[in-house]
Amino acid sequence: MITELEKAKKLKAKMKAGEPCLGAQIALSDPIVAEIFGRAGFDWLIIDTEHAAHTDLTVRAMLQAAVHTPAVALARPLRLDADVIRHYLDLGSPGVLCPFINTGAEAELLVRASRYPPQGIRGYGPRRAAGCGFDIDEYMQTANDAMICLPIIESREAVQNIEEIVQVDGIDGVSVGPMDLSISLGMFRNFSDPVYVDAVERVRQACRKYRKAMGTGCYSLAHAVECRDQGDSLLLVAGDDGYLASESRRCLEALGRPVQ
C-alpha cells in the first residue's frame, strides 16, 4: 500500500462529500512542522514553493514527515508548469495546489500534467512516489485516479472563467486566494467590498453547480468559521510563519511588551 495515495483517495472522497477539510500551509523548512500540523489533526498540508524558500530536498523531507500522520501533504508549485508538477509528483506529492489558474484550458493542463497517458502527459519516473522501485506496479495502477488537482482562483479573469475551470474533469475543487484576488479586483484586503464578495460568491455557486469542493485561504479564524458556515469545505486555515508571528505578538502584548 502506498500511503500517500491511500490518504489522497480518502481526502478526495471527503471533498466530494462536502465534508470539512481543514488545511495548513508550510513556509518554514524544518520537516517537523509537517509532523506537528499532521499530528494536530489537519486534513491536508500545503508545502509552499511559490512564496517560501523550499528546495527539492525540503519538499521531499516534508512529504516523508507527513507520511507518519493522517494528513495529506501537497506541493504548491511556483506556477503552472507540467515539468515542475511532474517533478513534485515524482517526489511523492499526490497532487498539487496550483496558483493562478485563469482559464478552462489551464485547468485542463493542470489535470493532464498530473496524469499518465492516455489521460494525461505526465512522463515516467516516480522515484520516491513509487517507493524507490518497490511499488511501481501499484503506483502505476493507482496514481491517475488518486491525484488531487486544486487550482487557486486569484484573478478577475479566473472569476470570469470560473464555470469552465470547475467543470473540467479531474479538478477536485478550487481555493480562492484572497490577497491576490483582492489586488486583481483593485481593492487590496478590502474583503467586505461588494465587488469582492460577489466574486467569491460566483466561485462558490459554480462549485455547487458542478459539485466541486469550494475552498479559500482563510485570513482569520472568524473568516474560517464564516466560510464553514456557508458550506465551504476546503479551508486553508493555518500557516506556520503566521502562527509563529501571531502567537509571538499575543504573548508579548499580554506581558506589556509593545510589538516592534
Protein backbone atom coordinates (compact mmCIF):
# COMPACT_ATOMS: atom_id res chain seq x y z
CA MET A 1 0.00 0.00 0.00
CA ILE A 2 1.33 3.44 -0.97
CA THR A 3 0.34 5.58 1.99
CA GLU A 4 0.22 8.93 0.20
CA LEU A 5 -2.14 7.63 -2.49
CA GLU A 6 -4.44 5.94 0.00
CA LYS A 7 -4.72 9.10 2.07
CA ALA A 8 -5.25 11.18 -1.08
CA LYS A 9 -8.16 8.99 -2.17
CA LYS A 10 -9.78 9.42 1.24
CA LEU A 11 -9.33 13.19 1.08
CA LYS A 12 -10.86 13.28 -2.41
CA ALA A 13 -13.85 11.35 -1.07
CA LYS A 14 -14.27 13.85 1.79
CA MET A 15 -14.13 16.76 -0.66
CA LYS A 16 -16.68 15.12 -2.92
CA ALA A 17 -18.99 14.55 0.04
CA GLY A 18 -18.70 18.19 1.11
CA GLU A 19 -17.13 17.35 4.45
CA PRO A 20 -14.89 19.98 6.09
CA CYS A 21 -11.26 19.55 5.04
CA LEU A 22 -9.00 21.77 7.13
CA GLY A 23 -5.59 22.66 5.78
CA ALA A 24 -2.34 24.29 6.89
CA GLN A 25 0.36 25.88 4.76
CA ILE A 26 4.06 25.33 5.40
CA ALA A 27 6.60 28.05 4.65
CA LEU A 28 9.34 27.11 7.12
CA SER A 29 11.82 24.45 6.06
CA ASP A 30 12.03 22.07 9.03
CA PRO A 31 10.02 18.89 8.29
CA ILE A 32 8.94 18.67 11.91
CA VAL A 33 6.40 21.39 11.00
CA ALA A 34 4.62 18.85 8.80
CA GLU A 35 4.64 16.36 11.67
CA ILE A 36 3.22 18.91 14.11
CA PHE A 37 0.42 20.04 11.80
CA GLY A 38 -0.33 16.46 10.81
CA ARG A 39 -0.46 15.22 14.39
CA ALA A 40 -2.61 18.22 15.34
CA GLY A 41 -5.33 16.90 13.05
CA PHE A 42 -5.22 18.95 9.87
CA ASP A 43 -6.56 17.05 6.87
CA TRP A 44 -4.16 18.49 4.29
CA LEU A 45 -0.88 20.37 4.26
CA ILE A 46 0.47 22.66 1.56
CA ILE A 47 4.23 22.85 1.00
CA ASP A 48 4.53 26.36 -0.40
CA THR A 49 7.29 26.53 -3.00
CA GLU A 50 5.66 29.57 -4.61
CA HIS A 51 6.46 32.08 -1.87
CA ALA A 52 8.78 30.26 0.55
CA ALA A 53 12.40 29.12 0.44
CA HIS A 54 11.73 25.43 -0.10
CA THR A 55 14.10 23.26 -2.10
CA ASP A 56 13.57 19.85 -3.64
CA LEU A 57 15.13 18.32 -0.53
CA THR A 58 12.85 20.17 1.89
CA VAL A 59 9.80 19.27 -0.19
CA ARG A 60 10.80 15.62 -0.09
CA ALA A 61 11.50 15.81 3.65
CA MET A 62 8.06 17.34 4.29
CA LEU A 63 6.39 14.58 2.29
CA GLN A 64 8.33 11.95 4.23
CA ALA A 65 7.40 13.53 7.56
CA ALA A 66 3.71 13.75 6.68
CA VAL A 67 3.52 10.04 5.86
CA HIS A 68 3.54 9.29 9.57
CA THR A 69 0.47 11.46 10.20
CA PRO A 70 -3.13 11.32 8.90
CA ALA A 71 -2.60 14.50 6.85
CA VAL A 72 -2.18 14.62 3.07
CA ALA A 73 0.80 16.77 2.04
CA LEU A 74 0.63 18.51 -1.35
CA ALA A 75 3.17 20.68 -3.12
CA ARG A 76 2.27 24.19 -4.21
CA PRO A 77 4.38 24.86 -7.33
CA LEU A 78 5.65 28.26 -8.38
CA ARG A 79 3.43 28.25 -11.46
CA LEU A 80 1.51 26.04 -13.86
CA ASP A 81 4.39 24.10 -15.41
CA ALA A 82 3.98 20.47 -16.42
CA ASP A 83 7.66 19.70 -15.81
CA VAL A 84 7.66 21.23 -12.32
CA ILE A 85 4.43 19.45 -11.42
CA ARG A 86 5.79 16.12 -12.64
CA HIS A 87 8.89 16.64 -10.51
CA TYR A 88 6.88 17.16 -7.31
CA LEU A 89 4.64 14.19 -8.09
CA ASP A 90 7.72 12.04 -8.59
CA LEU A 91 8.95 13.15 -5.17
CA GLY A 92 5.72 11.74 -3.76
CA SER A 93 3.22 14.59 -3.67
CA PRO A 94 -0.20 13.06 -4.51
CA GLY A 95 -1.30 16.17 -6.37
CA VAL A 96 -0.81 19.93 -6.31
CA LEU A 97 -2.43 23.20 -5.29
CA CYS A 98 -1.59 25.32 -8.33
CA PRO A 99 -1.55 29.14 -8.40
CA PHE A 100 -3.07 31.45 -10.99
CA ILE A 101 -5.28 29.06 -12.92
CA ASN A 102 -7.25 31.55 -15.01
CA THR A 103 -8.95 29.56 -17.78
CA GLY A 104 -10.50 26.21 -18.52
CA ALA A 105 -7.56 25.39 -20.79
CA GLU A 106 -5.13 25.95 -17.92
CA ALA A 107 -7.25 23.77 -15.64
CA GLU A 108 -7.15 21.03 -18.29
CA LEU A 109 -3.35 21.31 -18.48
CA LEU A 110 -3.14 21.02 -14.69
CA VAL A 111 -5.10 17.77 -14.82
CA ARG A 112 -3.17 16.36 -17.76
CA ALA A 113 0.18 17.26 -16.17
CA SER A 114 -0.85 15.20 -13.13
CA ARG A 115 -1.77 12.03 -15.04
CA TYR A 116 -0.02 9.47 -17.17
CA PRO A 117 -1.18 8.77 -20.76
CA PRO A 118 -3.72 8.26 -22.11
CA GLN A 119 -5.45 10.55 -19.58
CA GLY A 120 -2.51 12.96 -19.41
CA ILE A 121 1.01 13.91 -20.40
CA ARG A 122 2.98 13.05 -17.26
CA GLY A 123 6.33 11.45 -18.02
CA TYR A 124 7.53 8.32 -16.26
CA GLY A 125 9.95 8.47 -13.34
CA PRO A 126 8.13 8.17 -9.99
CA ARG A 127 11.26 7.70 -7.88
CA ARG A 128 10.14 8.19 -4.28
CA ALA A 129 6.46 8.23 -5.25
CA ALA A 130 6.67 4.55 -6.19
CA GLY A 131 8.70 3.52 -3.17
CA CYS A 132 12.07 3.86 -4.90
CA GLY A 133 11.15 0.99 -7.21
CA PHE A 134 9.46 -1.31 -4.68
CA ASP A 135 5.88 -0.31 -5.55
CA ILE A 136 5.98 0.54 -9.26
CA ASP A 137 3.09 -1.67 -10.38
CA GLU A 138 0.78 -0.48 -7.62
CA TYR A 139 1.70 3.14 -8.23
CA MET A 140 1.07 2.98 -11.97
CA GLN A 141 -2.29 1.31 -11.40
CA THR A 142 -3.41 3.83 -8.79
CA ALA A 143 -1.75 7.20 -9.40
CA ASN A 144 -4.03 8.65 -12.08
CA ASP A 145 -7.18 8.18 -10.01
CA ALA A 146 -5.57 9.33 -6.76
CA MET A 147 -4.03 12.63 -7.88
CA ILE A 148 -5.57 15.76 -6.32
CA CYS A 149 -5.82 18.80 -8.61
CA LEU A 150 -6.71 22.10 -6.95
CA PRO A 151 -6.49 25.42 -8.83
CA ILE A 152 -6.08 28.64 -6.88
CA ILE A 153 -8.54 31.29 -8.04
CA GLU A 154 -6.83 34.64 -7.59
CA SER A 155 -7.64 36.94 -10.51
CA ARG A 156 -10.55 38.73 -12.13
CA GLU A 157 -10.02 36.56 -15.20
CA ALA A 158 -10.31 33.37 -13.18
CA VAL A 159 -13.60 34.51 -11.67
CA GLN A 160 -14.94 35.37 -15.11
CA ASN A 161 -13.98 31.87 -16.32
CA ILE A 162 -14.87 30.00 -13.15
CA GLU A 163 -17.50 27.73 -14.67
CA GLU A 164 -15.19 26.47 -17.40
CA ILE A 165 -12.50 25.88 -14.76
CA VAL A 166 -14.55 23.90 -12.27
CA GLN A 167 -16.33 21.77 -14.86
CA VAL A 168 -13.02 20.27 -16.04
CA ASP A 169 -13.00 16.56 -15.29
CA GLY A 170 -10.25 15.85 -12.77
CA ILE A 171 -10.47 19.17 -10.95
CA ASP A 172 -11.38 18.24 -7.38
CA GLY A 173 -12.10 21.73 -6.12
CA VAL A 174 -10.71 25.25 -6.04
CA SER A 175 -9.22 27.54 -3.45
CA VAL A 176 -9.75 31.28 -3.56
CA GLY A 177 -6.55 33.26 -2.95
CA PRO A 178 -7.98 36.30 -1.18
CA MET A 179 -4.91 38.54 -1.26
CA ASP A 180 -4.19 38.25 -4.97
CA LEU A 181 -7.87 38.25 -5.87
CA SER A 182 -8.43 41.46 -3.95
CA ILE A 183 -5.41 43.01 -5.70
CA SER A 184 -6.72 41.92 -9.09
CA LEU A 185 -10.09 43.49 -8.31
CA GLY A 186 -8.42 46.76 -7.24
CA MET A 187 -9.22 46.55 -3.53
CA PHE A 188 -6.31 45.03 -1.64
CA ARG A 189 -7.55 43.34 1.56
CA ASN A 190 -10.94 45.05 1.35
CA PHE A 191 -12.76 41.77 1.72
CA SER A 192 -16.08 43.40 2.60
CA ASP A 193 -16.32 45.32 -0.68
CA PRO A 194 -19.43 44.16 -2.58
CA VAL A 195 -17.36 43.54 -5.73
CA TYR A 196 -15.05 41.18 -3.85
CA VAL A 197 -17.93 39.48 -2.03
CA ASP A 198 -19.75 38.97 -5.34
CA ALA A 199 -16.63 37.48 -6.96
CA VAL A 200 -16.25 34.91 -4.18
CA GLU A 201 -19.94 34.09 -4.37
CA ARG A 202 -19.62 33.46 -8.13
CA VAL A 203 -16.88 30.94 -7.37
CA ARG A 204 -18.99 29.33 -4.65
CA GLN A 205 -22.05 28.98 -6.88
CA ALA A 206 -20.00 27.45 -9.70
CA CYS A 207 -18.55 24.89 -7.29
CA ARG A 208 -22.03 23.98 -6.08
CA LYS A 209 -23.32 23.70 -9.63
CA TYR A 210 -20.57 21.29 -10.70
CA ARG A 211 -20.23 19.58 -7.30
CA LYS A 212 -16.63 20.57 -6.72
CA ALA A 213 -15.12 21.48 -3.36
CA MET A 214 -15.19 25.20 -2.59
CA GLY A 215 -12.17 26.44 -0.71
CA THR A 216 -10.36 29.55 0.34
CA GLY A 217 -7.24 30.77 2.05
CA CYS A 218 -8.73 31.98 5.33
CA TYR A 219 -7.25 35.25 6.57
CA SER A 220 -8.61 34.89 10.10
CA LEU A 221 -10.32 32.37 12.36
CA ALA A 222 -13.55 34.36 12.05
CA HIS A 223 -13.28 34.14 8.28
CA ALA A 224 -12.76 30.38 8.51
CA VAL A 225 -15.87 29.99 10.65
CA GLU A 226 -17.86 32.15 8.23
CA CYS A 227 -16.76 30.08 5.23
CA ARG A 228 -17.50 26.83 7.05
CA ASP A 229 -20.96 28.06 7.96
CA GLN A 230 -21.63 28.86 4.28
CA GLY A 231 -20.82 25.27 3.38
CA ASP A 232 -17.30 25.74 2.03
CA SER A 233 -15.38 22.53 2.63
CA LEU A 234 -11.78 23.14 1.55
CA LEU A 235 -10.42 25.58 4.11
CA LEU A 236 -6.77 26.60 4.33
CA VAL A 237 -6.92 27.90 7.89
CA ALA A 238 -3.34 27.98 9.19
CA GLY A 239 0.24 28.81 8.32
CA ASP A 240 3.39 28.09 10.28
CA ASP A 241 5.01 31.51 9.93
CA GLY A 242 1.70 33.25 10.57
CA TYR A 243 1.06 31.19 13.68
CA LEU A 244 4.53 31.94 14.99
CA ALA A 245 4.10 35.68 14.37
CA SER A 246 0.60 35.93 15.87
CA GLU A 247 1.47 33.88 18.95
CA SER A 248 4.62 35.95 19.50
CA ARG A 249 2.57 39.14 19.26
CA ARG A 250 -0.12 37.81 21.60
CA CYS A 251 2.42 36.73 24.21
CA LEU A 252 4.38 40.00 24.17
CA GLU A 253 1.28 42.16 24.30
CA ALA A 254 -0.13 40.12 27.20
CA LEU A 255 3.10 40.81 29.11
CA GLY A 256 3.04 44.53 28.36
CA ARG A 257 5.74 44.49 25.72
CA PRO A 258 4.75 46.50 22.60
CA VAL A 259 5.45 44.67 19.38
CA GLN A 260 8.28 46.33 17.46
